[in-house]
């Protein structure tokens, strides 16, 4: 009496296992754009909050300017009367559109109210900024 598997049984088990791994990996790859979009929205909200609080604590105006694939945080230099970059980020896997560059004042208010749209193949979010500094994000699609 022989014990063990034949070569055909082992090959069949390996083929079934590789098919299952392939199907699982493609479903995980389809989730990447979704999480890139959510990460981009979270990062923009964090940058807006950080600029607001830095403005309050340092007593200096900050603004956030948006480009197609990222944003730049700028600090106002009163002595030189110009805006200096305080940080720049590029967002992976998401496109950004904004109708304005919000300006955070040391008093805690925001001028240049903005509506920011962040999108990719998995959907679109709209981030709105109120004069009080409240940031709201809403999934559109």
N, C-alpha and C. Protein backbone atom coordinates (compact mmCIF):
# COMPACT_ATOMS: atom_id res chain seq x y z
N UNK A 1 0.83 -1.17 0.00
CA UNK A 1 0.00 0.00 0.00
C UNK A 1 0.89 1.25 0.00
N UNK A 2 0.70 2.14 -1.02
CA UNK A 2 1.48 3.36 -1.12
C UNK A 2 0.71 4.51 -0.49
N UNK A 3 1.44 5.39 0.20
CA UNK A 3 0.83 6.57 0.81
C UNK A 3 1.42 7.81 0.15
N UNK A 4 0.60 8.88 0.06
CA UNK A 4 1.07 10.13 -0.50
C UNK A 4 0.19 10.58 -1.66
N UNK A 5 0.63 11.65 -2.31
CA UNK A 5 -0.13 12.23 -3.42
C UNK A 5 0.58 11.91 -4.73
N UNK A 6 -0.22 11.80 -5.77
CA UNK A 6 0.37 11.63 -7.10
C UNK A 6 0.74 13.00 -7.63
N UNK A 7 1.53 13.01 -8.67
CA UNK A 7 1.94 14.27 -9.28
C UNK A 7 0.73 15.03 -9.82
N UNK A 8 -0.23 14.33 -10.36
CA UNK A 8 -1.45 14.96 -10.89
C UNK A 8 -2.25 15.64 -9.78
N UNK A 9 -2.39 15.02 -8.64
CA UNK A 9 -3.13 15.60 -7.51
C UNK A 9 -2.42 16.85 -6.99
N UNK A 10 -1.11 16.80 -6.89
CA UNK A 10 -0.35 17.96 -6.41
C UNK A 10 -0.46 19.12 -7.39
N UNK A 11 -0.39 18.84 -8.69
CA UNK A 11 -0.50 19.90 -9.70
C UNK A 11 -1.90 20.52 -9.69
N UNK A 12 -2.92 19.68 -9.52
CA UNK A 12 -4.29 20.20 -9.46
C UNK A 12 -4.50 21.09 -8.23
N UNK A 13 -3.98 20.68 -7.09
CA UNK A 13 -4.10 21.50 -5.87
C UNK A 13 -3.36 22.82 -6.03
N UNK A 14 -2.19 22.79 -6.67
CA UNK A 14 -1.43 24.02 -6.90
C UNK A 14 -2.16 24.95 -7.87
N UNK A 15 -2.80 24.41 -8.88
CA UNK A 15 -3.56 25.23 -9.84
C UNK A 15 -4.75 25.89 -9.15
N UNK A 16 -5.45 25.17 -8.31
CA UNK A 16 -6.59 25.75 -7.60
C UNK A 16 -6.12 26.84 -6.64
N UNK A 17 -5.05 26.60 -5.93
CA UNK A 17 -4.51 27.59 -5.00
C UNK A 17 -4.06 28.85 -5.73
N UNK A 18 -3.39 28.71 -6.87
CA UNK A 18 -2.93 29.89 -7.61
C UNK A 18 -4.11 30.69 -8.16
N UNK A 19 -5.19 30.03 -8.55
CA UNK A 19 -6.39 30.73 -9.02
C UNK A 19 -7.01 31.54 -7.89
N UNK A 20 -7.08 30.98 -6.72
CA UNK A 20 -7.64 31.70 -5.56
C UNK A 20 -6.78 32.91 -5.21
N UNK A 21 -5.47 32.76 -5.23
CA UNK A 21 -4.56 33.87 -4.92
C UNK A 21 -4.69 34.96 -5.98
N UNK A 22 -4.81 34.59 -7.25
CA UNK A 22 -4.97 35.57 -8.32
C UNK A 22 -6.25 36.38 -8.14
N UNK A 23 -7.36 35.70 -7.86
CA UNK A 23 -8.63 36.41 -7.67
C UNK A 23 -8.60 37.33 -6.46
N UNK A 24 -7.97 36.90 -5.39
CA UNK A 24 -7.87 37.73 -4.20
C UNK A 24 -7.00 38.96 -4.46
N UNK A 25 -5.90 38.79 -5.17
CA UNK A 25 -5.00 39.93 -5.41
C UNK A 25 -5.63 40.97 -6.32
N UNK A 26 -6.41 40.56 -7.32
CA UNK A 26 -7.06 41.55 -8.19
C UNK A 26 -8.12 42.33 -7.42
N UNK A 27 -8.82 41.68 -6.50
CA UNK A 27 -9.82 42.43 -5.73
C UNK A 27 -9.15 43.42 -4.79
N UNK A 28 -7.98 43.09 -4.26
CA UNK A 28 -7.26 44.04 -3.41
C UNK A 28 -6.70 45.19 -4.24
N UNK A 29 -6.26 44.93 -5.45
CA UNK A 29 -5.73 45.99 -6.31
C UNK A 29 -6.82 46.99 -6.69
N UNK A 30 -8.06 46.54 -6.78
CA UNK A 30 -9.16 47.44 -7.09
C UNK A 30 -9.47 48.39 -5.93
N UNK A 31 -9.03 48.08 -4.73
CA UNK A 31 -9.27 48.94 -3.57
C UNK A 31 -8.26 50.08 -3.45
N UNK A 32 -7.13 49.98 -4.12
CA UNK A 32 -6.07 50.99 -3.98
C UNK A 32 -6.56 52.40 -4.32
N UNK A 33 -7.24 52.63 -5.46
CA UNK A 33 -7.71 53.99 -5.75
C UNK A 33 -8.66 54.55 -4.69
N UNK A 34 -9.49 53.69 -4.11
CA UNK A 34 -10.42 54.15 -3.07
C UNK A 34 -9.66 54.70 -1.88
N UNK A 35 -8.66 53.98 -1.44
CA UNK A 35 -7.90 54.43 -0.27
C UNK A 35 -6.98 55.60 -0.60
N UNK A 36 -6.50 55.71 -1.84
CA UNK A 36 -5.73 56.89 -2.23
C UNK A 36 -6.61 58.14 -2.18
N UNK A 37 -7.86 58.01 -2.61
CA UNK A 37 -8.79 59.14 -2.58
C UNK A 37 -9.08 59.56 -1.14
N UNK A 38 -9.39 58.59 -0.28
CA UNK A 38 -9.68 58.91 1.11
C UNK A 38 -8.46 59.50 1.83
N UNK A 39 -7.28 59.00 1.51
CA UNK A 39 -6.05 59.53 2.10
C UNK A 39 -5.82 60.97 1.66
N UNK A 40 -6.08 61.27 0.39
CA UNK A 40 -5.90 62.63 -0.12
C UNK A 40 -6.85 63.60 0.56
N UNK A 41 -8.11 63.20 0.75
CA UNK A 41 -9.09 64.06 1.42
C UNK A 41 -8.64 64.31 2.86
N UNK A 42 -8.22 63.25 3.55
CA UNK A 42 -7.77 63.38 4.94
C UNK A 42 -6.56 64.30 5.01
N UNK A 43 -5.64 64.17 4.06
CA UNK A 43 -4.43 64.98 4.08
C UNK A 43 -4.73 66.47 3.85
N UNK A 44 -5.65 66.76 2.94
CA UNK A 44 -6.03 68.16 2.69
C UNK A 44 -6.73 68.74 3.91
N UNK A 45 -7.63 67.99 4.51
CA UNK A 45 -8.29 68.48 5.73
C UNK A 45 -7.27 68.74 6.83
N UNK A 46 -6.31 67.86 6.98
CA UNK A 46 -5.27 68.04 8.00
C UNK A 46 -4.43 69.27 7.72
N UNK A 47 -4.10 69.50 6.45
CA UNK A 47 -3.29 70.67 6.10
C UNK A 47 -4.05 71.96 6.37
N UNK A 48 -5.35 71.98 6.08
CA UNK A 48 -6.16 73.16 6.36
C UNK A 48 -6.25 73.43 7.86
N UNK A 49 -6.48 72.38 8.64
CA UNK A 49 -6.52 72.54 10.10
C UNK A 49 -5.17 72.99 10.65
N UNK A 50 -4.09 72.42 10.15
CA UNK A 50 -2.75 72.79 10.62
C UNK A 50 -2.46 74.25 10.31
N UNK A 51 -2.83 74.69 9.11
CA UNK A 51 -2.60 76.10 8.74
C UNK A 51 -3.41 77.03 9.64
N UNK A 52 -4.63 76.64 9.94
CA UNK A 52 -5.47 77.47 10.82
C UNK A 52 -4.87 77.59 12.21
N UNK A 53 -4.44 76.47 12.79
CA UNK A 53 -3.90 76.50 14.14
C UNK A 53 -2.53 77.16 14.21
N UNK A 54 -1.72 76.98 13.18
CA UNK A 54 -0.42 77.68 13.15
C UNK A 54 -0.64 79.18 13.10
N UNK A 55 -1.63 79.60 12.33
CA UNK A 55 -1.94 81.02 12.24
C UNK A 55 -2.38 81.57 13.59
N UNK A 56 -3.21 80.81 14.30
CA UNK A 56 -3.67 81.24 15.63
C UNK A 56 -2.52 81.31 16.63
N UNK A 57 -1.70 80.27 16.67
CA UNK A 57 -0.65 80.19 17.69
C UNK A 57 0.54 81.09 17.40
N UNK A 58 0.88 81.26 16.12
CA UNK A 58 2.05 82.07 15.77
C UNK A 58 1.70 83.53 15.52
N UNK A 59 0.43 83.84 15.33
CA UNK A 59 0.02 85.21 15.07
C UNK A 59 0.41 85.70 13.69
N UNK A 60 0.51 84.77 12.74
CA UNK A 60 0.92 85.09 11.37
C UNK A 60 -0.11 84.48 10.42
N UNK A 61 -0.36 85.13 9.30
CA UNK A 61 -1.30 84.61 8.31
C UNK A 61 -0.70 83.45 7.54
N UNK A 62 -1.52 82.47 7.27
CA UNK A 62 -1.15 81.31 6.45
C UNK A 62 -2.18 81.17 5.35
N UNK A 63 -1.76 80.65 4.21
CA UNK A 63 -2.72 80.31 3.17
C UNK A 63 -2.33 78.97 2.54
N UNK A 64 -3.31 78.34 1.94
CA UNK A 64 -3.10 77.06 1.29
C UNK A 64 -3.49 77.24 -0.17
N UNK A 65 -2.52 77.02 -1.05
CA UNK A 65 -2.77 77.12 -2.50
C UNK A 65 -2.78 75.71 -3.08
N UNK A 66 -3.71 75.46 -4.00
CA UNK A 66 -3.88 74.14 -4.57
C UNK A 66 -3.42 74.11 -6.02
N UNK A 67 -2.82 72.99 -6.40
CA UNK A 67 -2.45 72.75 -7.79
C UNK A 67 -3.19 71.49 -8.25
N UNK A 68 -2.92 71.04 -9.46
CA UNK A 68 -3.63 69.89 -10.01
C UNK A 68 -3.48 68.62 -9.18
N UNK A 69 -2.30 68.43 -8.60
CA UNK A 69 -2.06 67.17 -7.89
C UNK A 69 -1.51 67.36 -6.48
N UNK A 70 -1.76 68.53 -5.89
CA UNK A 70 -1.26 68.74 -4.54
C UNK A 70 -1.60 70.13 -4.00
N UNK A 71 -0.83 70.55 -3.01
CA UNK A 71 -1.08 71.84 -2.39
C UNK A 71 0.22 72.38 -1.80
N UNK A 72 0.22 73.69 -1.57
CA UNK A 72 1.35 74.38 -0.95
C UNK A 72 0.82 75.22 0.19
N UNK A 73 1.44 75.09 1.36
CA UNK A 73 1.10 75.93 2.51
C UNK A 73 2.12 77.06 2.53
N UNK A 74 1.62 78.30 2.63
CA UNK A 74 2.49 79.47 2.60
C UNK A 74 2.28 80.31 3.85
N UNK A 75 3.37 80.88 4.33
CA UNK A 75 3.37 81.73 5.53
C UNK A 75 3.70 83.15 5.09
N UNK A 76 2.97 84.12 5.63
CA UNK A 76 3.19 85.50 5.25
C UNK A 76 4.33 86.10 6.08
N UNK A 77 5.29 86.69 5.37
CA UNK A 77 6.41 87.36 6.01
C UNK A 77 6.11 88.85 6.02
N UNK A 78 5.81 89.39 7.21
CA UNK A 78 5.42 90.79 7.35
C UNK A 78 6.55 91.75 6.98
N UNK A 79 7.78 91.39 7.33
CA UNK A 79 8.92 92.26 7.05
C UNK A 79 9.17 92.39 5.55
N UNK A 80 9.13 91.27 4.84
CA UNK A 80 9.40 91.28 3.40
C UNK A 80 8.14 91.51 2.58
N UNK A 81 6.98 91.48 3.22
CA UNK A 81 5.68 91.66 2.56
C UNK A 81 5.49 90.66 1.40
N UNK A 82 5.79 89.38 1.70
CA UNK A 82 5.59 88.36 0.68
C UNK A 82 5.27 87.02 1.34
N UNK A 83 4.77 86.10 0.51
CA UNK A 83 4.42 84.76 0.97
C UNK A 83 5.60 83.83 0.76
N UNK A 84 5.95 83.10 1.81
CA UNK A 84 7.04 82.13 1.73
C UNK A 84 6.47 80.71 1.87
N UNK A 85 6.92 79.78 1.04
CA UNK A 85 6.42 78.41 1.17
C UNK A 85 6.80 77.80 2.52
N UNK A 86 5.84 77.19 3.18
CA UNK A 86 6.09 76.52 4.45
C UNK A 86 5.98 75.01 4.30
N UNK A 87 5.54 74.56 3.15
CA UNK A 87 5.44 73.13 2.90
C UNK A 87 4.68 72.86 1.62
N UNK A 88 5.09 71.83 0.92
CA UNK A 88 4.43 71.44 -0.33
C UNK A 88 4.22 69.95 -0.32
N UNK A 89 3.04 69.52 -0.74
CA UNK A 89 2.73 68.08 -0.81
C UNK A 89 2.12 67.76 -2.17
N UNK A 90 2.51 66.61 -2.69
CA UNK A 90 1.92 66.08 -3.90
C UNK A 90 1.08 64.88 -3.50
N UNK A 91 -0.14 64.84 -3.98
CA UNK A 91 -1.06 63.77 -3.62
C UNK A 91 -1.01 62.69 -4.70
N UNK A 92 -0.83 61.45 -4.26
CA UNK A 92 -0.75 60.33 -5.18
C UNK A 92 -2.13 59.81 -5.53
N UNK A 93 -2.39 59.65 -6.80
CA UNK A 93 -3.62 59.00 -7.23
C UNK A 93 -4.87 59.83 -7.11
N UNK A 94 -4.76 61.14 -7.00
CA UNK A 94 -5.94 61.99 -6.88
C UNK A 94 -5.68 63.34 -7.55
N UNK A 95 -6.73 63.89 -8.15
CA UNK A 95 -6.66 65.21 -8.76
C UNK A 95 -7.37 66.21 -7.84
N UNK A 96 -6.84 67.42 -7.77
CA UNK A 96 -7.38 68.44 -6.88
C UNK A 96 -7.77 69.66 -7.70
N UNK A 97 -8.94 70.20 -7.40
CA UNK A 97 -9.40 71.46 -7.99
C UNK A 97 -9.92 72.34 -6.86
N UNK A 98 -9.59 73.62 -6.91
CA UNK A 98 -10.08 74.55 -5.89
C UNK A 98 -10.46 75.86 -6.56
N UNK A 99 -11.49 76.49 -6.03
CA UNK A 99 -11.92 77.77 -6.59
C UNK A 99 -11.23 78.96 -5.94
N UNK A 100 -10.45 78.70 -4.87
CA UNK A 100 -9.81 79.79 -4.15
C UNK A 100 -8.69 79.24 -3.28
N UNK A 101 -7.82 80.12 -2.82
CA UNK A 101 -6.77 79.76 -1.86
C UNK A 101 -7.16 80.34 -0.51
N UNK A 102 -7.60 79.50 0.43
CA UNK A 102 -8.04 80.02 1.73
C UNK A 102 -6.90 80.67 2.51
N UNK A 103 -7.22 81.80 3.13
CA UNK A 103 -6.25 82.57 3.91
C UNK A 103 -6.70 82.55 5.37
N UNK A 104 -5.85 82.00 6.23
CA UNK A 104 -6.14 81.90 7.66
C UNK A 104 -5.48 83.05 8.38
N UNK A 105 -6.30 83.81 9.12
CA UNK A 105 -5.79 84.99 9.82
C UNK A 105 -5.50 84.65 11.27
N UNK A 106 -4.66 85.44 11.93
CA UNK A 106 -4.36 85.18 13.34
C UNK A 106 -5.56 85.31 14.28
N UNK A 107 -6.64 85.93 13.82
CA UNK A 107 -7.85 86.05 14.63
C UNK A 107 -8.67 84.77 14.63
N UNK A 108 -8.32 83.82 13.78
CA UNK A 108 -9.03 82.55 13.72
C UNK A 108 -10.06 82.45 12.63
N UNK A 109 -10.18 83.48 11.81
CA UNK A 109 -11.15 83.45 10.72
C UNK A 109 -10.45 83.08 9.41
N UNK A 110 -11.28 82.84 8.42
CA UNK A 110 -10.77 82.47 7.10
C UNK A 110 -11.34 83.45 6.09
N UNK A 111 -10.47 83.99 5.26
CA UNK A 111 -10.96 84.77 4.12
C UNK A 111 -10.57 84.00 2.87
N UNK A 112 -11.25 84.25 1.80
CA UNK A 112 -11.01 83.48 0.60
C UNK A 112 -11.58 82.08 0.76
N UNK A 113 -12.87 82.04 1.08
CA UNK A 113 -13.52 80.75 1.29
C UNK A 113 -13.32 79.87 0.07
N UNK A 114 -13.19 78.58 0.30
CA UNK A 114 -12.84 77.68 -0.79
C UNK A 114 -13.75 76.47 -0.84
N UNK A 115 -13.95 76.01 -2.04
CA UNK A 115 -14.55 74.70 -2.28
C UNK A 115 -13.51 73.90 -3.04
N UNK A 116 -13.09 72.80 -2.46
CA UNK A 116 -12.02 71.99 -3.02
C UNK A 116 -12.63 70.66 -3.44
N UNK A 117 -12.32 70.23 -4.65
CA UNK A 117 -12.81 68.95 -5.16
C UNK A 117 -11.61 68.02 -5.34
N UNK A 118 -11.70 66.85 -4.74
CA UNK A 118 -10.66 65.83 -4.84
C UNK A 118 -11.30 64.62 -5.52
N UNK A 119 -10.67 64.15 -6.61
CA UNK A 119 -11.29 63.06 -7.36
C UNK A 119 -10.26 62.10 -7.94
N UNK A 120 -10.72 60.90 -8.23
CA UNK A 120 -9.98 59.92 -9.01
C UNK A 120 -11.00 58.95 -9.60
N UNK A 121 -10.54 57.80 -10.10
CA UNK A 121 -11.45 56.86 -10.76
C UNK A 121 -12.49 56.26 -9.82
N UNK A 122 -12.27 56.30 -8.54
CA UNK A 122 -13.18 55.71 -7.57
C UNK A 122 -14.22 56.68 -7.01
N UNK A 123 -14.16 57.95 -7.39
CA UNK A 123 -15.17 58.87 -6.90
C UNK A 123 -14.65 60.28 -6.75
N UNK A 124 -15.45 61.07 -6.02
CA UNK A 124 -15.16 62.48 -5.87
C UNK A 124 -15.63 62.95 -4.50
N UNK A 125 -14.82 63.80 -3.87
CA UNK A 125 -15.18 64.42 -2.60
C UNK A 125 -15.17 65.93 -2.78
N UNK A 126 -16.07 66.60 -2.07
CA UNK A 126 -16.08 68.06 -2.04
C UNK A 126 -15.77 68.50 -0.62
N UNK A 127 -14.75 69.33 -0.48
CA UNK A 127 -14.37 69.88 0.82
C UNK A 127 -14.72 71.35 0.81
N UNK A 128 -15.53 71.77 1.78
CA UNK A 128 -15.91 73.19 1.86
C UNK A 128 -15.34 73.78 3.14
N UNK A 129 -14.99 75.04 3.06
CA UNK A 129 -14.38 75.75 4.17
C UNK A 129 -15.24 76.97 4.49
N UNK A 130 -15.75 77.04 5.72
CA UNK A 130 -16.60 78.15 6.14
C UNK A 130 -15.75 79.28 6.71
N UNK A 131 -16.33 80.45 6.86
CA UNK A 131 -15.61 81.62 7.37
C UNK A 131 -15.14 81.40 8.81
N UNK A 132 -15.82 80.53 9.53
CA UNK A 132 -15.44 80.25 10.92
C UNK A 132 -14.27 79.27 11.00
N UNK A 133 -13.88 78.69 9.86
CA UNK A 133 -12.79 77.73 9.85
C UNK A 133 -13.25 76.29 9.86
N UNK A 134 -14.57 76.09 9.88
CA UNK A 134 -15.11 74.73 9.87
C UNK A 134 -14.86 74.10 8.50
N UNK A 135 -14.37 72.86 8.53
CA UNK A 135 -14.08 72.13 7.31
C UNK A 135 -15.04 70.95 7.20
N UNK A 136 -15.71 70.86 6.05
CA UNK A 136 -16.67 69.77 5.86
C UNK A 136 -16.34 69.06 4.57
N UNK A 137 -16.27 67.74 4.63
CA UNK A 137 -16.03 66.96 3.40
C UNK A 137 -17.24 66.08 3.13
N UNK A 138 -17.64 66.04 1.85
CA UNK A 138 -18.80 65.28 1.45
C UNK A 138 -18.46 64.46 0.22
N UNK A 139 -18.83 63.20 0.25
CA UNK A 139 -18.63 62.34 -0.93
C UNK A 139 -19.70 62.66 -1.96
N UNK A 140 -19.28 62.95 -3.18
CA UNK A 140 -20.22 63.32 -4.23
C UNK A 140 -20.61 62.10 -5.06
N UNK A 141 -19.60 61.39 -5.55
CA UNK A 141 -19.86 60.22 -6.40
C UNK A 141 -19.13 59.04 -5.83
